[in-house]
């Protein structure tokens, strides 16, 4: 199996580099729920977990609301 070239990997890595910060605030109940979930399901990286859940929801809603050929 051929290895991908390092040049393509570097370009891909640069385009996926996270350099924009988003901050949000949770109330006590929301924070407790997040921490309980992370503890129960052994989530080690809360940032990655929140980003994954958030972006999957955003992408799903965008796909559902996008115009289709027969709308």
PDB file of N, CA and C in Angstrom:
ATOM      1  N   UNK A   1       0.841  -1.185   0.000  1.00  0.00           N
ATOM      2  CA  UNK A   1       0.000   0.000   0.000  1.00  0.00           C
ATOM      3  C   UNK A   1       0.885   1.247   0.000  1.00  0.00           C
ATOM      4  N   UNK A   2       0.578   2.184  -0.854  1.00  0.00           N
ATOM      5  CA  UNK A   2       1.391   3.376  -1.007  1.00  0.00           C
ATOM      6  C   UNK A   2       1.056   4.404   0.072  1.00  0.00           C
ATOM      7  N   UNK A   3       2.102   4.991   0.652  1.00  0.00           N
ATOM      8  CA  UNK A   3       1.907   6.038   1.648  1.00  0.00           C
ATOM      9  C   UNK A   3       1.524   7.339   0.959  1.00  0.00           C
ATOM     10  N   UNK A   4       0.617   8.115   1.555  1.00  0.00           N
ATOM     11  CA  UNK A   4       0.320   9.427   0.971  1.00  0.00           C
ATOM     12  C   UNK A   4       1.537  10.333   1.116  1.00  0.00           C
ATOM     13  N   UNK A   5       1.710  11.223   0.173  1.00  0.00           N
ATOM     14  CA  UNK A   5       2.872  12.104   0.217  1.00  0.00           C
ATOM     15  C   UNK A   5       2.748  13.084   1.383  1.00  0.00           C
ATOM     16  N   UNK A   6       3.880  13.452   1.931  1.00  0.00           N
ATOM     17  CA  UNK A   6       3.888  14.385   3.055  1.00  0.00           C
ATOM     18  C   UNK A   6       3.399  15.766   2.635  1.00  0.00           C
ATOM     19  N   UNK A   7       3.630  16.113   1.377  1.00  0.00           N
ATOM     20  CA  UNK A   7       3.207  17.417   0.887  1.00  0.00           C
ATOM     21  C   UNK A   7       1.686  17.565   0.985  1.00  0.00           C
ATOM     22  N   UNK A   8       0.948  16.542   0.560  1.00  0.00           N
ATOM     23  CA  UNK A   8      -0.512  16.582   0.649  1.00  0.00           C
ATOM     24  C   UNK A   8      -0.968  16.594   2.098  1.00  0.00           C
ATOM     25  N   UNK A   9      -0.279  15.864   2.950  1.00  0.00           N
ATOM     26  CA  UNK A   9      -0.635  15.839   4.362  1.00  0.00           C
ATOM     27  C   UNK A   9      -0.481  17.212   4.995  1.00  0.00           C
ATOM     28  N   UNK A  10       0.594  17.918   4.653  1.00  0.00           N
ATOM     29  CA  UNK A  10       0.819  19.244   5.227  1.00  0.00           C
ATOM     30  C   UNK A  10      -0.249  20.223   4.774  1.00  0.00           C
ATOM     31  N   UNK A  11      -0.639  20.173   3.503  1.00  0.00           N
ATOM     32  CA  UNK A  11      -1.693  21.061   3.012  1.00  0.00           C
ATOM     33  C   UNK A  11      -3.009  20.760   3.697  1.00  0.00           C
ATOM     34  N   UNK A  12      -3.308  19.486   3.876  1.00  0.00           N
ATOM     35  CA  UNK A  12      -4.543  19.089   4.544  1.00  0.00           C
ATOM     36  C   UNK A  12      -4.518  19.532   5.990  1.00  0.00           C
ATOM     37  N   UNK A  13      -3.389  19.337   6.647  1.00  0.00           N
ATOM     38  CA  UNK A  13      -3.270  19.724   8.043  1.00  0.00           C
ATOM     39  C   UNK A  13      -3.406  21.231   8.211  1.00  0.00           C
ATOM     40  N   UNK A  14      -2.844  22.015   7.299  1.00  0.00           N
ATOM     41  CA  UNK A  14      -2.960  23.471   7.387  1.00  0.00           C
ATOM     42  C   UNK A  14      -4.403  23.922   7.228  1.00  0.00           C
ATOM     43  N   UNK A  15      -5.126  23.298   6.315  1.00  0.00           N
ATOM     44  CA  UNK A  15      -6.503  23.716   6.076  1.00  0.00           C
ATOM     45  C   UNK A  15      -7.417  23.326   7.233  1.00  0.00           C
ATOM     46  N   UNK A  16      -7.025  22.316   8.005  1.00  0.00           N
ATOM     47  CA  UNK A  16      -7.844  21.873   9.132  1.00  0.00           C
ATOM     48  C   UNK A  16      -7.350  22.420  10.465  1.00  0.00           C
ATOM     49  N   UNK A  17      -6.341  23.252  10.436  1.00  0.00           N
ATOM     50  CA  UNK A  17      -5.790  23.819  11.650  1.00  0.00           C
ATOM     51  C   UNK A  17      -6.841  24.689  12.337  1.00  0.00           C
ATOM     52  N   UNK A  18      -7.048  24.449  13.610  1.00  0.00           N
ATOM     53  CA  UNK A  18      -8.041  25.218  14.364  1.00  0.00           C
ATOM     54  C   UNK A  18      -7.365  26.452  14.950  1.00  0.00           C
ATOM     55  N   UNK A  19      -7.704  27.603  14.400  1.00  0.00           N
ATOM     56  CA  UNK A  19      -7.106  28.843  14.873  1.00  0.00           C
ATOM     57  C   UNK A  19      -8.152  29.846  15.324  1.00  0.00           C
ATOM     58  N   UNK A  20      -9.419  29.502  15.233  1.00  0.00           N
ATOM     59  CA  UNK A  20     -10.515  30.379  15.637  1.00  0.00           C
ATOM     60  C   UNK A  20     -11.119  29.860  16.935  1.00  0.00           C
ATOM     61  N   UNK A  21     -11.263  30.751  17.886  1.00  0.00           N
ATOM     62  CA  UNK A  21     -11.754  30.364  19.199  1.00  0.00           C
ATOM     63  C   UNK A  21     -13.224  30.782  19.349  1.00  0.00           C
ATOM     64  N   UNK A  22     -14.020  29.862  19.891  1.00  0.00           N
ATOM     65  CA  UNK A  22     -15.412  30.149  20.201  1.00  0.00           C
ATOM     66  C   UNK A  22     -15.611  29.836  21.683  1.00  0.00           C
ATOM     67  N   UNK A  23     -16.201  30.768  22.382  1.00  0.00           N
ATOM     68  CA  UNK A  23     -16.428  30.593  23.806  1.00  0.00           C
ATOM     69  C   UNK A  23     -17.922  30.682  24.070  1.00  0.00           C
ATOM     70  N   UNK A  24     -18.430  29.810  24.923  1.00  0.00           N
ATOM     71  CA  UNK A  24     -19.829  29.883  25.302  1.00  0.00           C
ATOM     72  C   UNK A  24     -19.958  29.587  26.785  1.00  0.00           C
ATOM     73  N   UNK A  25     -21.092  29.960  27.337  1.00  0.00           N
ATOM     74  CA  UNK A  25     -21.309  29.863  28.773  1.00  0.00           C
ATOM     75  C   UNK A  25     -22.421  28.857  29.047  1.00  0.00           C
ATOM     76  N   UNK A  26     -22.237  28.038  30.082  1.00  0.00           N
ATOM     77  CA  UNK A  26     -23.247  27.070  30.501  1.00  0.00           C
ATOM     78  C   UNK A  26     -23.749  27.447  31.891  1.00  0.00           C
ATOM     79  N   UNK A  27     -25.016  27.149  32.144  1.00  0.00           N
ATOM     80  CA  UNK A  27     -25.493  27.335  33.514  1.00  0.00           C
ATOM     81  C   UNK A  27     -25.074  26.115  34.338  1.00  0.00           C
ATOM     82  N   UNK A  28     -25.361  26.131  35.623  1.00  0.00           N
ATOM     83  CA  UNK A  28     -24.905  25.054  36.509  1.00  0.00           C
ATOM     84  C   UNK A  28     -25.458  23.692  36.107  1.00  0.00           C
ATOM     85  N   UNK A  29     -26.738  23.634  35.755  1.00  0.00           N
ATOM     86  CA  UNK A  29     -27.355  22.357  35.368  1.00  0.00           C
ATOM     87  C   UNK A  29     -26.728  21.796  34.094  1.00  0.00           C
ATOM     88  N   UNK A  30     -26.492  22.681  33.116  1.00  0.00           N
ATOM     89  CA  UNK A  30     -25.889  22.240  31.861  1.00  0.00           C
ATOM     90  C   UNK A  30     -24.471  21.717  32.085  1.00  0.00           C
ATOM     91  N   UNK A  31     -23.709  22.429  32.894  1.00  0.00           N
ATOM     92  CA  UNK A  31     -22.342  22.004  33.188  1.00  0.00           C
ATOM     93  C   UNK A  31     -22.339  20.675  33.931  1.00  0.00           C
ATOM     94  N   UNK A  32     -23.223  20.533  34.913  1.00  0.00           N
ATOM     95  CA  UNK A  32     -23.315  19.269  35.652  1.00  0.00           C
ATOM     96  C   UNK A  32     -23.695  18.118  34.724  1.00  0.00           C
ATOM     97  N   UNK A  33     -24.611  18.365  33.810  1.00  0.00           N
ATOM     98  CA  UNK A  33     -25.020  17.324  32.864  1.00  0.00           C
ATOM     99  C   UNK A  33     -23.852  16.943  31.950  1.00  0.00           C
ATOM    100  N   UNK A  34     -23.125  17.934  31.454  1.00  0.00           N
ATOM    101  CA  UNK A  34     -21.974  17.661  30.599  1.00  0.00           C
ATOM    102  C   UNK A  34     -20.915  16.865  31.346  1.00  0.00           C
ATOM    103  N   UNK A  35     -20.611  17.274  32.558  1.00  0.00           N
ATOM    104  CA  UNK A  35     -19.591  16.578  33.345  1.00  0.00           C
ATOM    105  C   UNK A  35     -20.034  15.169  33.707  1.00  0.00           C
ATOM    106  N   UNK A  36     -21.317  14.989  34.027  1.00  0.00           N
ATOM    107  CA  UNK A  36     -21.825  13.651  34.340  1.00  0.00           C
ATOM    108  C   UNK A  36     -21.736  12.744  33.110  1.00  0.00           C
ATOM    109  N   UNK A  37     -22.095  13.277  31.961  1.00  0.00           N
ATOM    110  CA  UNK A  37     -22.019  12.508  30.715  1.00  0.00           C
ATOM    111  C   UNK A  37     -20.575  12.097  30.435  1.00  0.00           C
ATOM    112  N   UNK A  38     -19.671  13.059  30.554  1.00  0.00           N
ATOM    113  CA  UNK A  38     -18.263  12.779  30.270  1.00  0.00           C
ATOM    114  C   UNK A  38     -17.689  11.749  31.245  1.00  0.00           C
ATOM    115  N   UNK A  39     -18.104  11.830  32.469  1.00  0.00           N
ATOM    116  CA  UNK A  39     -17.636  10.853  33.458  1.00  0.00           C
ATOM    117  C   UNK A  39     -18.229   9.474  33.183  1.00  0.00           C
ATOM    118  N   UNK A  40     -19.525   9.426  32.906  1.00  0.00           N
ATOM    119  CA  UNK A  40     -20.208   8.147  32.687  1.00  0.00           C
ATOM    120  C   UNK A  40     -19.686   7.427  31.441  1.00  0.00           C
ATOM    121  N   UNK A  41     -19.464   8.191  30.365  1.00  0.00           N
ATOM    122  CA  UNK A  41     -19.039   7.575  29.109  1.00  0.00           C
ATOM    123  C   UNK A  41     -17.544   7.745  28.845  1.00  0.00           C
ATOM    124  N   UNK A  42     -16.818   8.135  29.886  1.00  0.00           N
ATOM    125  CA  UNK A  42     -15.357   8.231  29.851  1.00  0.00           C
ATOM    126  C   UNK A  42     -14.842   9.084  28.689  1.00  0.00           C
ATOM    127  N   UNK A  43     -15.441  10.246  28.551  1.00  0.00           N
ATOM    128  CA  UNK A  43     -14.984  11.205  27.543  1.00  0.00           C
ATOM    129  C   UNK A  43     -13.749  11.885  28.118  1.00  0.00           C
ATOM    130  N   UNK A  44     -12.627  11.740  27.440  1.00  0.00           N
ATOM    131  CA  UNK A  44     -11.383  12.302  27.947  1.00  0.00           C
ATOM    132  C   UNK A  44     -11.123  13.704  27.421  1.00  0.00           C
ATOM    133  N   UNK A  45     -11.675  14.025  26.262  1.00  0.00           N
ATOM    134  CA  UNK A  45     -11.434  15.327  25.648  1.00  0.00           C
ATOM    135  C   UNK A  45     -12.780  16.028  25.458  1.00  0.00           C
ATOM    136  N   UNK A  46     -13.147  16.878  26.409  1.00  0.00           N
ATOM    137  CA  UNK A  46     -14.446  17.565  26.354  1.00  0.00           C
ATOM    138  C   UNK A  46     -14.542  18.487  25.151  1.00  0.00           C
ATOM    139  N   UNK A  47     -13.458  19.142  24.822  1.00  0.00           N
ATOM    140  CA  UNK A  47     -13.461  20.066  23.686  1.00  0.00           C
ATOM    141  C   UNK A  47     -13.797  19.332  22.399  1.00  0.00           C
ATOM    142  N   UNK A  48     -13.141  18.215  22.163  1.00  0.00           N
ATOM    143  CA  UNK A  48     -13.407  17.440  20.948  1.00  0.00           C
ATOM    144  C   UNK A  48     -14.834  16.912  20.958  1.00  0.00           C
ATOM    145  N   UNK A  49     -15.306  16.455  22.123  1.00  0.00           N
ATOM    146  CA  UNK A  49     -16.661  15.928  22.238  1.00  0.00           C
ATOM    147  C   UNK A  49     -17.700  17.002  21.900  1.00  0.00           C
ATOM    148  N   UNK A  50     -17.568  18.177  22.504  1.00  0.00           N
ATOM    149  CA  UNK A  50     -18.529  19.259  22.264  1.00  0.00           C
ATOM    150  C   UNK A  50     -18.466  19.699  20.806  1.00  0.00           C
ATOM    151  N   UNK A  51     -17.263  19.826  20.259  1.00  0.00           N
ATOM    152  CA  UNK A  51     -17.108  20.225  18.865  1.00  0.00           C
ATOM    153  C   UNK A  51     -17.755  19.205  17.931  1.00  0.00           C
ATOM    154  N   UNK A  52     -17.544  17.930  18.192  1.00  0.00           N
ATOM    155  CA  UNK A  52     -18.115  16.881  17.345  1.00  0.00           C
ATOM    156  C   UNK A  52     -19.634  16.897  17.388  1.00  0.00           C
ATOM    157  N   UNK A  53     -20.195  16.974  18.584  1.00  0.00           N
ATOM    158  CA  UNK A  53     -21.657  16.974  18.735  1.00  0.00           C
ATOM    159  C   UNK A  53     -22.256  18.229  18.108  1.00  0.00           C
ATOM    160  N   UNK A  54     -21.654  19.358  18.385  1.00  0.00           N
ATOM    161  CA  UNK A  54     -22.154  20.628  17.843  1.00  0.00           C
ATOM    162  C   UNK A  54     -22.110  20.637  16.321  1.00  0.00           C
ATOM    163  N   UNK A  55     -20.969  20.299  15.757  1.00  0.00           N
ATOM    164  CA  UNK A  55     -20.829  20.360  14.303  1.00  0.00           C
ATOM    165  C   UNK A  55     -21.684  19.316  13.600  1.00  0.00           C
ATOM    166  N   UNK A  56     -21.864  18.145  14.186  1.00  0.00           N
ATOM    167  CA  UNK A  56     -22.736  17.157  13.551  1.00  0.00           C
ATOM    168  C   UNK A  56     -24.179  17.659  13.518  1.00  0.00           C
ATOM    169  N   UNK A  57     -24.613  18.328  14.579  1.00  0.00           N
ATOM    170  CA  UNK A  57     -25.960  18.895  14.607  1.00  0.00           C
ATOM    171  C   UNK A  57     -26.095  20.025  13.596  1.00  0.00           C
ATOM    172  N   UNK A  58     -25.105  20.893  13.530  1.00  0.00           N
ATOM    173  CA  UNK A  58     -25.132  22.019  12.579  1.00  0.00           C
ATOM    174  C   UNK A  58     -25.188  21.500  11.147  1.00  0.00           C
ATOM    175  N   UNK A  59     -24.330  20.560  10.820  1.00  0.00           N
ATOM    176  CA  UNK A  59     -24.288  20.025   9.452  1.00  0.00           C
ATOM    177  C   UNK A  59     -25.585  19.312   9.108  1.00  0.00           C
ATOM    178  N   UNK A  60     -26.119  18.545  10.052  1.00  0.00           N
ATOM    179  CA  UNK A  60     -27.380  17.834   9.814  1.00  0.00           C
ATOM    180  C   UNK A  60     -28.520  18.810   9.520  1.00  0.00           C
ATOM    181  N   UNK A  61     -28.611  19.885  10.312  1.00  0.00           N
ATOM    182  CA  UNK A  61     -29.680  20.872  10.095  1.00  0.00           C
ATOM    183  C   UNK A  61     -29.504  21.623   8.788  1.00  0.00           C
ATOM    184  N   UNK A  62     -28.270  21.922   8.433  1.00  0.00           N
ATOM    185  CA  UNK A  62     -28.023  22.593   7.165  1.00  0.00           C
ATOM    186  C   UNK A  62     -28.441  21.701   5.994  1.00  0.00           C
ATOM    187  N   UNK A  63     -28.144  20.421   6.091  1.00  0.00           N
ATOM    188  CA  UNK A  63     -28.540  19.496   5.028  1.00  0.00           C
ATOM    189  C   UNK A  63     -30.056  19.373   4.936  1.00  0.00           C
ATOM    190  N   UNK A  64     -30.739  19.367   6.072  1.00  0.00           N
ATOM    191  CA  UNK A  64     -32.200  19.246   6.074  1.00  0.00           C
ATOM    192  C   UNK A  64     -32.862  20.492   5.512  1.00  0.00           C
ATOM    193  N   UNK A  65     -32.260  21.642   5.726  1.00  0.00           N
ATOM    194  CA  UNK A  65     -32.901  22.892   5.300  1.00  0.00           C
ATOM    195  C   UNK A  65     -32.423  23.362   3.928  1.00  0.00           C
ATOM    196  N   UNK A  66     -31.524  22.636   3.320  1.00  0.00           N
ATOM    197  CA  UNK A  66     -31.047  23.068   2.014  1.00  0.00           C
ATOM    198  C   UNK A  66     -32.112  22.809   0.954  1.00  0.00           C
ATOM    199  N   UNK A  67     -32.181  23.645  -0.042  1.00  0.00           N
ATOM    200  CA  UNK A  67     -33.186  23.457  -1.083  1.00  0.00           C
ATOM    201  C   UNK A  67     -32.876  22.200  -1.901  1.00  0.00           C
ATOM    202  N   UNK A  68     -33.920  21.520  -2.311  1.00  0.00           N
ATOM    203  CA  UNK A  68     -33.745  20.328  -3.127  1.00  0.00           C
ATOM    204  C   UNK A  68     -34.287  20.610  -4.532  1.00  0.00           C
ATOM    205  N   UNK A  69     -34.065  19.720  -5.413  1.00  0.00           N
ATOM    206  CA  UNK A  69     -34.463  19.902  -6.810  1.00  0.00           C
ATOM    207  C   UNK A  69     -35.968  20.066  -6.958  1.00  0.00           C
ATOM    208  N   UNK A  70     -36.744  19.375  -6.112  1.00  0.00           N
ATOM    209  CA  UNK A  70     -38.197  19.359  -6.284  1.00  0.00           C
ATOM    210  C   UNK A  70     -38.938  20.187  -5.230  1.00  0.00           C
ATOM    211  N   UNK A  71     -38.262  21.142  -4.624  1.00  0.00           N
ATOM    212  CA  UNK A  71     -38.965  22.008  -3.657  1.00  0.00           C
ATOM    213  C   UNK A  71     -39.782  23.045  -4.354  1.00  0.00           C
TER     214      UNK A  71
END
